[in-house]
């Protein structure tokens, strides 16, 4: 008779996330998670096959708490924007997980539920066919890209400081823009960019 399983995927994902939060994404390994769980590495293979599966479990755990129900009494643009911001908040609480959101979004049940909710809002607003495809793809591109920029290349980072110090005679606009960018918070950058994105989505029923 096989031994009864004493661990859950949620527990394993929580241990993997603890490793990532504490030691960084590069530290994630089957051995590190096994140590976190207080078990032998080979025993962990009874539950997960490799690091890639661990990564997928972590992504789904981080996004599992995202509420996919749109707010009531709000126009479709506001509903979509709210769902987008909820994902940003969830991932932002675990910055080291940011790179995993792109590679594992297709296999995460939480991401799939979120995407279905967004599509329902878009469909209700009149989006169909190719227009709906492009709308969802554009939203995902902005969401994932902005999260990565915020945590891997923030406006408050060294890159912006370097550009702000560029020779004004060669890069007058870039240097000026970079100096101004240093005063823009991450929240302002995200919400203003999202507003631009939402204004660019034209629903057939608008």
Protein backbone atom coordinates (compact mmCIF):
# COMPACT_ATOMS: atom_id res chain seq x y z
CA UNK A 1 0.00 0.00 0.00
CA UNK A 2 1.33 3.48 -0.81
CA UNK A 3 2.10 5.72 2.12
CA UNK A 4 -0.59 8.35 2.77
CA UNK A 5 0.37 11.82 1.68
CA UNK A 6 1.00 14.15 4.59
CA UNK A 7 1.60 17.34 2.59
CA UNK A 8 -0.69 19.46 0.46
CA UNK A 9 0.26 21.44 -2.62
CA UNK A 10 -0.71 24.58 -0.74
CA UNK A 11 1.72 23.73 2.05
CA UNK A 12 4.49 23.03 -0.43
CA UNK A 13 3.77 26.26 -2.28
CA UNK A 14 3.86 28.20 1.00
CA UNK A 15 7.26 26.69 1.83
CA UNK A 16 8.58 27.55 -1.63
CA UNK A 17 7.26 31.10 -1.33
CA UNK A 18 8.94 31.44 2.07
CA UNK A 19 12.26 30.47 0.48
CA UNK A 20 11.77 33.00 -2.33
CA UNK A 21 10.69 35.83 -0.03
CA UNK A 22 13.63 35.25 2.32
CA UNK A 23 16.47 34.25 -0.01
CA UNK A 24 15.40 35.36 -3.50
CA UNK A 25 14.12 33.53 -6.56
CA UNK A 26 17.56 32.13 -7.41
CA UNK A 27 17.55 30.21 -4.11
CA UNK A 28 14.46 28.22 -5.02
CA UNK A 29 15.26 24.53 -5.42
CA UNK A 30 13.81 21.19 -4.47
CA UNK A 31 16.43 20.88 -1.75
CA UNK A 32 15.72 24.34 -0.30
CA UNK A 33 11.99 23.65 -0.13
CA UNK A 34 12.58 20.23 1.43
CA UNK A 35 14.72 21.86 4.11
CA UNK A 36 11.99 24.44 4.70
CA UNK A 37 9.51 21.59 5.19
CA UNK A 38 11.89 19.59 7.38
CA UNK A 39 12.01 16.59 5.08
CA UNK A 40 14.45 14.79 2.80
CA UNK A 41 14.78 16.12 -0.73
CA UNK A 42 13.86 12.77 -2.27
CA UNK A 43 10.67 12.68 -0.21
CA UNK A 44 9.56 15.95 -1.79
CA UNK A 45 9.65 14.31 -5.21
CA UNK A 46 6.64 12.25 -4.13
CA UNK A 47 4.61 15.45 -4.35
CA UNK A 48 6.22 17.59 -7.06
CA UNK A 49 8.40 16.65 -10.00
CA UNK A 50 10.81 19.59 -10.32
CA UNK A 51 11.48 23.28 -9.75
CA UNK A 52 9.23 24.28 -12.63
CA UNK A 53 6.25 22.73 -10.91
CA UNK A 54 7.24 24.50 -7.69
CA UNK A 55 7.25 27.80 -9.55
CA UNK A 56 3.75 27.16 -10.89
CA UNK A 57 2.47 26.34 -7.41
CA UNK A 58 3.97 29.55 -6.06
CA UNK A 59 2.35 31.70 -8.74
CA UNK A 60 -1.03 30.14 -8.09
CA UNK A 61 -0.64 30.58 -4.34
CA UNK A 62 0.25 34.26 -4.68
CA UNK A 63 -2.73 34.90 -6.95
CA UNK A 64 -5.20 32.58 -5.21
CA UNK A 65 -6.39 35.38 -2.95
CA UNK A 66 -7.21 37.74 -5.82
CA UNK A 67 -10.92 38.50 -5.86
CA UNK A 68 -12.13 38.00 -9.44
CA UNK A 69 -15.60 39.41 -8.75
CA UNK A 70 -15.97 42.84 -10.40
CA UNK A 71 -17.27 45.71 -8.27
CA UNK A 72 -20.95 46.47 -8.71
CA UNK A 73 -22.37 49.76 -9.87
CA UNK A 74 -19.21 50.64 -11.81
CA UNK A 75 -18.72 51.09 -15.57
CA UNK A 76 -16.91 48.31 -17.38
CA UNK A 77 -13.68 50.32 -17.53
CA UNK A 78 -13.66 50.68 -13.76
CA UNK A 79 -14.42 46.99 -13.28
CA UNK A 80 -11.50 45.94 -15.46
CA UNK A 81 -9.17 48.45 -13.81
CA UNK A 82 -10.10 47.10 -10.37
CA UNK A 83 -9.32 43.52 -11.36
CA UNK A 84 -6.00 44.61 -12.85
CA UNK A 85 -5.03 46.50 -9.69
CA UNK A 86 -5.88 43.49 -7.51
CA UNK A 87 -3.33 41.36 -9.35
CA UNK A 88 -0.70 44.09 -9.05
CA UNK A 89 -1.26 44.30 -5.30
CA UNK A 90 -1.01 40.51 -4.86
CA UNK A 91 2.19 40.14 -6.86
CA UNK A 92 3.66 43.32 -5.38
CA UNK A 93 3.56 41.73 -1.94
CA UNK A 94 6.13 39.18 -3.19
CA UNK A 95 8.43 41.07 -5.61
CA UNK A 96 10.76 38.12 -6.19
CA UNK A 97 7.87 36.24 -7.79
CA UNK A 98 7.47 38.86 -10.54
CA UNK A 99 9.48 36.98 -13.23
CA UNK A 100 7.37 33.86 -12.70
CA UNK A 101 4.09 35.59 -13.53
CA UNK A 102 4.92 35.67 -17.24
CA UNK A 103 6.20 32.12 -17.62
CA UNK A 104 3.48 30.42 -15.57
CA UNK A 105 0.38 32.48 -16.27
CA UNK A 106 -1.08 29.91 -18.69
CA UNK A 107 -1.05 27.06 -16.17
CA UNK A 108 -2.29 28.89 -13.09
CA UNK A 109 -5.96 28.21 -12.24
CA UNK A 110 -6.06 31.56 -10.44
CA UNK A 111 -4.86 33.41 -13.54
CA UNK A 112 -7.34 31.51 -15.69
CA UNK A 113 -10.23 32.46 -13.36
CA UNK A 114 -9.10 36.08 -13.42
CA UNK A 115 -8.88 36.07 -17.23
CA UNK A 116 -12.35 34.55 -17.50
CA UNK A 117 -13.73 37.31 -15.26
CA UNK A 118 -12.07 40.03 -17.34
CA UNK A 119 -13.41 38.46 -20.54
CA UNK A 120 -16.91 38.41 -19.07
CA UNK A 121 -16.67 42.16 -18.41
CA UNK A 122 -15.33 42.84 -21.90
CA UNK A 123 -18.04 40.67 -23.46
CA UNK A 124 -20.71 42.54 -21.54
CA UNK A 125 -19.29 45.79 -22.91
CA UNK A 126 -19.64 44.49 -26.47
CA UNK A 127 -16.16 43.15 -27.20
CA UNK A 128 -16.19 40.07 -29.45
CA UNK A 129 -13.87 38.17 -31.73
CA UNK A 130 -10.52 39.73 -32.59
CA UNK A 131 -11.29 42.92 -30.68
CA UNK A 132 -11.78 40.95 -27.46
CA UNK A 133 -8.57 38.99 -28.09
CA UNK A 134 -6.54 42.17 -28.52
CA UNK A 135 -8.19 43.82 -25.50
CA UNK A 136 -7.33 40.97 -23.12
CA UNK A 137 -3.84 40.60 -24.57
CA UNK A 138 -3.21 44.32 -24.19
CA UNK A 139 -4.37 44.31 -20.58
CA UNK A 140 -2.15 41.33 -19.74
CA UNK A 141 0.80 42.94 -21.49
CA UNK A 142 0.38 46.15 -19.54
CA UNK A 143 -0.18 44.37 -16.25
CA UNK A 144 2.79 42.01 -16.48
CA UNK A 145 5.07 44.59 -18.06
CA UNK A 146 4.29 47.30 -15.53
CA UNK A 147 4.80 44.93 -12.59
CA UNK A 148 8.16 43.90 -13.98
CA UNK A 149 9.20 47.51 -14.58
CA UNK A 150 8.08 48.55 -11.10
CA UNK A 151 10.13 45.90 -9.33
CA UNK A 152 13.01 45.26 -11.74
CA UNK A 153 13.50 48.75 -13.14
CA UNK A 154 11.68 51.29 -10.94
CA UNK A 155 11.65 55.01 -11.62
CA UNK A 156 13.41 55.45 -8.30
CA UNK A 157 16.26 53.17 -9.43
CA UNK A 158 19.77 53.77 -10.69
CA UNK A 159 18.71 53.70 -14.34
CA UNK A 160 16.56 56.78 -13.97
CA UNK A 161 19.28 58.53 -11.98
CA UNK A 162 21.79 57.76 -14.71
CA UNK A 163 19.55 59.15 -17.46
CA UNK A 164 18.82 62.24 -15.38
CA UNK A 165 22.56 62.96 -15.43
CA UNK A 166 22.98 62.61 -19.20
CA UNK A 167 24.54 65.58 -21.05
CA UNK A 168 21.75 68.04 -21.70
CA UNK A 169 23.25 69.14 -25.00
CA UNK A 170 22.92 65.59 -26.36
CA UNK A 171 19.79 64.31 -24.59
CA UNK A 172 17.84 67.36 -23.42
CA UNK A 173 14.41 65.73 -23.40
CA UNK A 174 15.51 62.38 -22.00
CA UNK A 175 17.47 64.00 -19.19
CA UNK A 176 14.60 66.31 -18.30
CA UNK A 177 12.04 63.51 -18.40
CA UNK A 178 14.21 61.31 -16.19
CA UNK A 179 14.56 64.11 -13.64
CA UNK A 180 10.79 64.52 -13.57
CA UNK A 181 10.29 60.74 -13.38
CA UNK A 182 12.16 60.53 -10.11
CA UNK A 183 9.26 62.36 -8.46
CA UNK A 184 6.59 59.96 -9.75
CA UNK A 185 5.58 57.24 -7.29
CA UNK A 186 5.11 53.63 -8.38
CA UNK A 187 1.38 53.89 -7.70
CA UNK A 188 1.02 57.03 -9.79
CA UNK A 189 2.96 55.49 -12.65
CA UNK A 190 0.81 52.36 -12.64
CA UNK A 191 -2.56 54.10 -12.36
CA UNK A 192 -1.80 56.79 -14.94
CA UNK A 193 -0.56 54.15 -17.36
CA UNK A 194 -3.62 52.00 -16.72
CA UNK A 195 -5.85 55.01 -17.34
CA UNK A 196 -4.16 55.53 -20.72
CA UNK A 197 -4.67 51.85 -21.49
CA UNK A 198 -8.35 51.90 -20.54
CA UNK A 199 -9.04 55.03 -22.61
CA UNK A 200 -7.47 53.28 -25.56
CA UNK A 201 -9.90 50.34 -25.36
CA UNK A 202 -12.96 51.26 -27.37
CA UNK A 203 -16.00 49.08 -26.73
CA UNK A 204 -18.55 48.68 -29.54
CA UNK A 205 -21.33 49.73 -27.15
CA UNK A 206 -19.59 52.94 -25.98
